Amino acid sequence: MFSVTVREHMMIAHSLRGEVFGPAQRLHGATYVVDATFRRAELDPNGIVVDIGAATTALHSVLSDLNYRNLDDEPSLADTNTTTEVLAKLVADRLVDRIHAGELGESASGLAGIMVTLRESHVAWASYERTP
């Protein structure tokens, strides 16, 4: 399996509901390093997994909808506990929407999988993987 990963970051504010989150129940900020990995079994006729520039642009676009926002105030996330795991899925799903819209180019039609990893720190991260 071949893979290409592009990286970006986002800064958000949010609070998490539930005793399990302890002090993170209060409003706090988080800065995530976000990796989006695209996979396919065979390279396309140009010898690539996906256009790196298009993948980078798509990731930046997805994150710009969340960046510098208090996620507690986002209507689309009103009933969502925006854990790192949930945000990884959200970013992956939104990237897949862009793949289906053709924003990542022809090579993206042959993708077998996409994985999004949000790194909270050098010791903790969460990932979500799905098919396009």
N, C-alpha and C. Protein backbone atom coordinates (compact mmCIF):
# COMPACT_ATOMS: atom_id res chain seq x y z
N MET A 1 0.85 -1.17 0.00
CA MET A 1 0.00 0.00 0.00
C MET A 1 0.89 1.23 0.00
N PHE A 2 0.62 2.15 -0.90
CA PHE A 2 1.33 3.42 -0.97
C PHE A 2 0.58 4.45 -0.14
N SER A 3 1.29 5.42 0.40
CA SER A 3 0.63 6.48 1.15
C SER A 3 1.35 7.80 0.97
N VAL A 4 0.59 8.87 1.09
CA VAL A 4 1.11 10.23 1.10
C VAL A 4 0.43 10.93 2.28
N THR A 5 1.22 11.68 3.04
CA THR A 5 0.68 12.41 4.19
C THR A 5 0.97 13.89 4.02
N VAL A 6 -0.04 14.71 4.29
CA VAL A 6 0.14 16.16 4.34
C VAL A 6 -0.19 16.62 5.76
N ARG A 7 0.39 17.75 6.15
CA ARG A 7 0.28 18.20 7.53
C ARG A 7 -0.12 19.68 7.58
N GLU A 8 -0.93 19.99 8.58
CA GLU A 8 -1.36 21.36 8.85
C GLU A 8 -1.60 21.43 10.36
N HIS A 9 -2.02 22.55 10.85
CA HIS A 9 -2.36 22.65 12.27
C HIS A 9 -3.62 23.51 12.42
N MET A 10 -4.25 23.37 13.59
CA MET A 10 -5.39 24.23 13.91
C MET A 10 -5.40 24.51 15.40
N MET A 11 -5.94 25.67 15.73
CA MET A 11 -6.08 26.08 17.12
C MET A 11 -7.56 26.31 17.39
N ILE A 12 -8.06 25.65 18.41
CA ILE A 12 -9.48 25.74 18.74
C ILE A 12 -9.64 25.98 20.24
N ALA A 13 -10.85 26.35 20.61
CA ALA A 13 -11.25 26.37 22.02
C ALA A 13 -12.48 25.49 22.12
N HIS A 14 -12.64 24.84 23.26
CA HIS A 14 -13.83 24.02 23.50
C HIS A 14 -13.85 23.58 24.95
N SER A 15 -14.99 23.02 25.34
CA SER A 15 -15.09 22.38 26.64
C SER A 15 -15.69 21.00 26.40
N LEU A 16 -15.42 20.09 27.30
CA LEU A 16 -15.89 18.71 27.14
C LEU A 16 -16.85 18.36 28.27
N ARG A 17 -17.95 17.73 27.90
CA ARG A 17 -18.97 17.37 28.89
C ARG A 17 -18.71 15.97 29.44
N GLY A 18 -18.79 15.85 30.74
CA GLY A 18 -18.64 14.56 31.40
C GLY A 18 -17.56 14.59 32.45
N GLU A 19 -17.84 13.96 33.57
CA GLU A 19 -16.88 13.91 34.68
C GLU A 19 -15.54 13.32 34.28
N VAL A 20 -15.54 12.41 33.33
CA VAL A 20 -14.31 11.75 32.89
C VAL A 20 -13.26 12.76 32.41
N PHE A 21 -13.71 13.96 31.99
CA PHE A 21 -12.79 14.94 31.44
C PHE A 21 -12.18 15.87 32.49
N GLY A 22 -12.59 15.75 33.73
CA GLY A 22 -11.99 16.54 34.81
C GLY A 22 -11.94 18.01 34.46
N PRO A 23 -10.75 18.64 34.58
CA PRO A 23 -10.65 20.09 34.33
C PRO A 23 -10.93 20.48 32.88
N ALA A 24 -10.87 19.54 31.94
CA ALA A 24 -11.17 19.86 30.54
C ALA A 24 -12.65 20.13 30.31
N GLN A 25 -13.46 19.99 31.37
CA GLN A 25 -14.87 20.37 31.27
C GLN A 25 -15.01 21.89 31.16
N ARG A 26 -14.00 22.60 31.65
CA ARG A 26 -14.00 24.05 31.53
C ARG A 26 -13.49 24.43 30.14
N LEU A 27 -13.84 25.59 29.68
CA LEU A 27 -13.37 26.09 28.40
C LEU A 27 -11.84 26.13 28.40
N HIS A 28 -11.24 25.58 27.37
CA HIS A 28 -9.78 25.57 27.25
C HIS A 28 -9.41 25.56 25.77
N GLY A 29 -8.17 25.83 25.49
CA GLY A 29 -7.68 25.84 24.12
C GLY A 29 -6.89 24.59 23.81
N ALA A 30 -6.83 24.28 22.52
CA ALA A 30 -6.02 23.16 22.05
C ALA A 30 -5.42 23.52 20.70
N THR A 31 -4.17 23.17 20.54
CA THR A 31 -3.51 23.31 19.24
C THR A 31 -3.18 21.92 18.76
N TYR A 32 -3.70 21.57 17.60
CA TYR A 32 -3.50 20.24 17.03
C TYR A 32 -2.60 20.32 15.81
N VAL A 33 -1.66 19.40 15.72
CA VAL A 33 -0.97 19.13 14.47
C VAL A 33 -1.82 18.07 13.79
N VAL A 34 -2.23 18.33 12.55
CA VAL A 34 -3.16 17.46 11.85
C VAL A 34 -2.47 16.83 10.65
N ASP A 35 -2.43 15.51 10.64
CA ASP A 35 -1.88 14.75 9.50
C ASP A 35 -3.02 14.06 8.77
N ALA A 36 -3.05 14.21 7.46
CA ALA A 36 -4.01 13.48 6.62
C ALA A 36 -3.21 12.56 5.72
N THR A 37 -3.44 11.26 5.87
CA THR A 37 -2.73 10.25 5.09
C THR A 37 -3.69 9.63 4.09
N PHE A 38 -3.28 9.63 2.84
CA PHE A 38 -4.06 9.08 1.74
C PHE A 38 -3.38 7.81 1.26
N ARG A 39 -4.18 6.72 1.05
CA ARG A 39 -3.60 5.42 0.70
C ARG A 39 -4.24 4.86 -0.56
N ARG A 40 -3.41 4.14 -1.32
CA ARG A 40 -3.91 3.39 -2.47
C ARG A 40 -2.97 2.24 -2.76
N ALA A 41 -3.52 1.17 -3.31
CA ALA A 41 -2.74 -0.05 -3.56
C ALA A 41 -1.75 0.13 -4.71
N GLU A 42 -2.17 0.83 -5.74
CA GLU A 42 -1.32 1.05 -6.91
C GLU A 42 -1.24 2.54 -7.21
N LEU A 43 -0.11 2.99 -7.68
CA LEU A 43 0.03 4.39 -8.05
C LEU A 43 -0.79 4.67 -9.31
N ASP A 44 -1.19 5.92 -9.47
CA ASP A 44 -1.94 6.28 -10.68
C ASP A 44 -0.99 6.33 -11.88
N PRO A 45 -1.47 6.58 -13.08
CA PRO A 45 -0.59 6.60 -14.26
C PRO A 45 0.55 7.61 -14.18
N ASN A 46 0.41 8.63 -13.33
CA ASN A 46 1.48 9.62 -13.14
C ASN A 46 2.48 9.21 -12.07
N GLY A 47 2.25 8.05 -11.44
CA GLY A 47 3.16 7.57 -10.41
C GLY A 47 2.94 8.21 -9.05
N ILE A 48 1.71 8.66 -8.78
CA ILE A 48 1.42 9.31 -7.50
C ILE A 48 0.22 8.66 -6.81
N VAL A 49 0.15 8.90 -5.50
CA VAL A 49 -1.02 8.48 -4.71
C VAL A 49 -2.13 9.50 -4.90
N VAL A 50 -1.79 10.76 -4.67
CA VAL A 50 -2.72 11.88 -4.81
C VAL A 50 -1.87 13.13 -5.02
N ASP A 51 -2.42 14.11 -5.65
CA ASP A 51 -1.72 15.38 -5.85
C ASP A 51 -1.48 16.02 -4.48
N ILE A 52 -0.22 16.15 -4.09
CA ILE A 52 0.12 16.66 -2.76
C ILE A 52 -0.37 18.10 -2.59
N GLY A 53 -0.25 18.90 -3.62
CA GLY A 53 -0.72 20.28 -3.54
C GLY A 53 -2.21 20.36 -3.32
N ALA A 54 -2.97 19.55 -4.05
CA ALA A 54 -4.43 19.54 -3.89
C ALA A 54 -4.82 19.01 -2.52
N ALA A 55 -4.11 18.00 -2.03
CA ALA A 55 -4.39 17.44 -0.70
C ALA A 55 -4.10 18.47 0.38
N THR A 56 -3.02 19.20 0.23
CA THR A 56 -2.66 20.24 1.20
C THR A 56 -3.71 21.35 1.21
N THR A 57 -4.12 21.77 0.03
CA THR A 57 -5.14 22.81 -0.08
C THR A 57 -6.46 22.35 0.55
N ALA A 58 -6.86 21.11 0.29
CA ALA A 58 -8.11 20.58 0.84
C ALA A 58 -8.04 20.51 2.37
N LEU A 59 -6.91 20.04 2.91
CA LEU A 59 -6.77 19.96 4.36
C LEU A 59 -6.83 21.36 4.97
N HIS A 60 -6.13 22.29 4.38
CA HIS A 60 -6.15 23.67 4.88
C HIS A 60 -7.58 24.23 4.86
N SER A 61 -8.30 23.96 3.80
CA SER A 61 -9.68 24.44 3.68
C SER A 61 -10.58 23.84 4.75
N VAL A 62 -10.47 22.54 4.97
CA VAL A 62 -11.28 21.88 6.01
C VAL A 62 -10.97 22.47 7.38
N LEU A 63 -9.70 22.65 7.67
CA LEU A 63 -9.32 23.15 8.99
C LEU A 63 -9.67 24.62 9.18
N SER A 64 -9.68 25.39 8.09
CA SER A 64 -10.00 26.82 8.22
C SER A 64 -11.42 27.02 8.72
N ASP A 65 -12.30 26.05 8.51
CA ASP A 65 -13.67 26.13 9.03
C ASP A 65 -13.72 25.96 10.55
N LEU A 66 -12.65 25.41 11.14
CA LEU A 66 -12.60 25.15 12.58
C LEU A 66 -11.58 26.02 13.31
N ASN A 67 -10.57 26.47 12.59
CA ASN A 67 -9.43 27.16 13.17
C ASN A 67 -9.83 28.47 13.85
N TYR A 68 -9.26 28.73 15.02
CA TYR A 68 -9.50 29.94 15.80
C TYR A 68 -10.96 30.12 16.17
N ARG A 69 -11.63 29.01 16.41
CA ARG A 69 -13.04 29.06 16.78
C ARG A 69 -13.25 28.39 18.13
N ASN A 70 -14.27 28.87 18.83
CA ASN A 70 -14.74 28.17 20.02
C ASN A 70 -15.77 27.16 19.52
N LEU A 71 -15.42 25.90 19.52
CA LEU A 71 -16.30 24.87 18.97
C LEU A 71 -17.61 24.74 19.75
N ASP A 72 -17.62 25.21 20.99
CA ASP A 72 -18.86 25.21 21.77
C ASP A 72 -19.91 26.13 21.14
N ASP A 73 -19.47 27.11 20.35
CA ASP A 73 -20.37 28.08 19.73
C ASP A 73 -20.75 27.71 18.30
N GLU A 74 -20.21 26.62 17.78
CA GLU A 74 -20.51 26.22 16.40
C GLU A 74 -21.83 25.45 16.35
N PRO A 75 -22.84 25.99 15.66
CA PRO A 75 -24.16 25.33 15.63
C PRO A 75 -24.10 23.88 15.14
N SER A 76 -23.24 23.57 14.17
CA SER A 76 -23.18 22.20 13.64
C SER A 76 -22.59 21.21 14.65
N LEU A 77 -21.96 21.73 15.71
CA LEU A 77 -21.34 20.86 16.73
C LEU A 77 -22.04 20.99 18.08
N ALA A 78 -23.22 21.59 18.10
CA ALA A 78 -23.91 21.92 19.35
C ALA A 78 -24.11 20.72 20.27
N ASP A 79 -24.43 19.57 19.73
CA ASP A 79 -24.70 18.40 20.56
C ASP A 79 -23.54 17.40 20.54
N THR A 80 -22.36 17.88 20.21
CA THR A 80 -21.20 17.01 20.03
C THR A 80 -20.14 17.29 21.08
N ASN A 81 -19.64 16.25 21.72
CA ASN A 81 -18.49 16.38 22.60
C ASN A 81 -17.26 16.34 21.69
N THR A 82 -16.64 17.46 21.49
CA THR A 82 -15.58 17.59 20.48
C THR A 82 -14.24 17.06 20.99
N THR A 83 -14.21 15.77 21.30
CA THR A 83 -12.98 15.11 21.70
C THR A 83 -12.03 15.06 20.50
N THR A 84 -10.79 14.74 20.76
CA THR A 84 -9.82 14.61 19.68
C THR A 84 -10.26 13.54 18.69
N GLU A 85 -10.81 12.45 19.19
CA GLU A 85 -11.27 11.37 18.31
C GLU A 85 -12.40 11.84 17.40
N VAL A 86 -13.36 12.57 17.98
CA VAL A 86 -14.49 13.08 17.20
C VAL A 86 -14.00 14.07 16.14
N LEU A 87 -13.06 14.93 16.50
CA LEU A 87 -12.54 15.89 15.54
C LEU A 87 -11.76 15.20 14.42
N ALA A 88 -11.05 14.13 14.73
CA ALA A 88 -10.34 13.38 13.68
C ALA A 88 -11.33 12.83 12.66
N LYS A 89 -12.45 12.30 13.14
CA LYS A 89 -13.48 11.78 12.23
C LYS A 89 -14.10 12.92 11.42
N LEU A 90 -14.39 14.03 12.06
CA LEU A 90 -14.98 15.17 11.38
C LEU A 90 -14.09 15.64 10.23
N VAL A 91 -12.80 15.78 10.49
CA VAL A 91 -11.86 16.22 9.45
C VAL A 91 -11.80 15.18 8.32
N ALA A 92 -11.72 13.90 8.66
CA ALA A 92 -11.67 12.86 7.63
C ALA A 92 -12.93 12.88 6.77
N ASP A 93 -14.09 12.99 7.40
CA ASP A 93 -15.34 13.01 6.65
C ASP A 93 -15.41 14.22 5.72
N ARG A 94 -14.95 15.36 6.19
CA ARG A 94 -14.97 16.56 5.35
C ARG A 94 -13.96 16.46 4.21
N LEU A 95 -12.83 15.80 4.43
CA LEU A 95 -11.89 15.56 3.33
C LEU A 95 -12.50 14.64 2.29
N VAL A 96 -13.19 13.61 2.73
CA VAL A 96 -13.85 12.69 1.80
C VAL A 96 -14.90 13.44 0.97
N ASP A 97 -15.62 14.36 1.59
CA ASP A 97 -16.57 15.18 0.83
C ASP A 97 -15.86 15.93 -0.29
N ARG A 98 -14.67 16.44 0.00
CA ARG A 98 -13.90 17.17 -1.02
C ARG A 98 -13.37 16.23 -2.10
N ILE A 99 -13.01 15.01 -1.71
CA ILE A 99 -12.59 14.01 -2.71
C ILE A 99 -13.75 13.75 -3.67
N HIS A 100 -14.94 13.54 -3.13
CA HIS A 100 -16.12 13.26 -3.97
C HIS A 100 -16.48 14.46 -4.84
N ALA A 101 -16.16 15.66 -4.39
CA ALA A 101 -16.44 16.87 -5.17
C ALA A 101 -15.37 17.10 -6.24
N GLY A 102 -14.34 16.25 -6.28
CA GLY A 102 -13.30 16.36 -7.30
C GLY A 102 -12.18 17.33 -6.96
N GLU A 103 -12.16 17.86 -5.73
CA GLU A 103 -11.17 18.87 -5.36
C GLU A 103 -9.75 18.34 -5.25
N LEU A 104 -9.58 17.03 -5.12
CA LEU A 104 -8.24 16.47 -5.01
C LEU A 104 -7.75 15.87 -6.33
N GLY A 105 -8.49 16.07 -7.38
CA GLY A 105 -8.06 15.65 -8.71
C GLY A 105 -8.40 14.21 -9.03
N GLU A 106 -8.06 13.84 -10.26
CA GLU A 106 -8.38 12.52 -10.80
C GLU A 106 -7.74 11.39 -10.01
N SER A 107 -6.51 11.58 -9.55
CA SER A 107 -5.82 10.49 -8.83
C SER A 107 -6.55 10.09 -7.56
N ALA A 108 -7.31 11.00 -6.96
CA ALA A 108 -8.02 10.70 -5.71
C ALA A 108 -9.13 9.68 -5.92
N SER A 109 -9.56 9.47 -7.17
CA SER A 109 -10.63 8.50 -7.41
C SER A 109 -10.17 7.07 -7.13
N GLY A 110 -8.88 6.83 -7.10
CA GLY A 110 -8.36 5.49 -6.84
C GLY A 110 -7.93 5.25 -5.40
N LEU A 111 -8.26 6.17 -4.50
CA LEU A 111 -7.83 6.01 -3.12
C LEU A 111 -8.55 4.85 -2.44
N ALA A 112 -7.79 4.10 -1.66
CA ALA A 112 -8.36 2.98 -0.90
C ALA A 112 -8.70 3.39 0.53
N GLY A 113 -8.05 4.43 1.04
CA GLY A 113 -8.29 4.83 2.42
C GLY A 113 -7.72 6.20 2.71
N ILE A 114 -8.23 6.77 3.79
CA ILE A 114 -7.73 8.04 4.31
C ILE A 114 -7.70 7.92 5.82
N MET A 115 -6.64 8.42 6.42
CA MET A 115 -6.54 8.43 7.88
C MET A 115 -6.15 9.84 8.31
N VAL A 116 -6.87 10.34 9.31
CA VAL A 116 -6.57 11.66 9.87
C VAL A 116 -6.13 11.47 11.31
N THR A 117 -4.99 12.07 11.64
CA THR A 117 -4.44 12.02 12.99
C THR A 117 -4.34 13.43 13.54
N LEU A 118 -4.90 13.65 14.72
CA LEU A 118 -4.76 14.91 15.43
C LEU A 118 -3.82 14.68 16.61
N ARG A 119 -2.73 15.42 16.62
CA ARG A 119 -1.73 15.30 17.68
C ARG A 119 -1.94 16.44 18.67
N GLU A 120 -2.32 16.06 19.89
CA GLU A 120 -2.51 17.06 20.95
C GLU A 120 -1.16 17.49 21.53
N SER A 121 -0.22 16.58 21.54
CA SER A 121 1.11 16.86 22.07
C SER A 121 2.05 15.79 21.53
N HIS A 122 3.30 15.83 21.98
CA HIS A 122 4.26 14.82 21.53
C HIS A 122 4.02 13.45 22.17
N VAL A 123 3.09 13.38 23.12
CA VAL A 123 2.82 12.10 23.80
C VAL A 123 1.38 11.61 23.65
N ALA A 124 0.51 12.38 22.98
CA ALA A 124 -0.89 11.97 22.88
C ALA A 124 -1.48 12.39 21.54
N TRP A 125 -2.15 11.45 20.86
CA TRP A 125 -2.83 11.75 19.60
C TRP A 125 -3.93 10.73 19.37
N ALA A 126 -4.82 11.07 18.43
CA ALA A 126 -5.91 10.17 18.08
C ALA A 126 -6.06 10.19 16.56
N SER A 127 -6.52 9.06 16.02
CA SER A 127 -6.68 8.93 14.56
C SER A 127 -8.04 8.34 14.23
N TYR A 128 -8.47 8.62 13.01
CA TYR A 128 -9.66 8.02 12.45
C TYR A 128 -9.35 7.64 11.01
N GLU A 129 -9.72 6.41 10.64
CA GLU A 129 -9.44 5.93 9.29
C GLU A 129 -10.73 5.44 8.66
N ARG A 130 -10.88 5.73 7.36
CA ARG A 130 -12.08 5.31 6.64
C ARG A 130 -11.76 5.16 5.15
N THR A 131 -12.70 4.58 4.43
CA THR A 131 -12.60 4.52 2.98
C THR A 131 -13.23 5.78 2.41
N PRO A 132 -12.76 6.22 1.26
CA PRO A 132 -13.33 7.45 0.65
C PRO A 132 -14.72 7.25 0.08
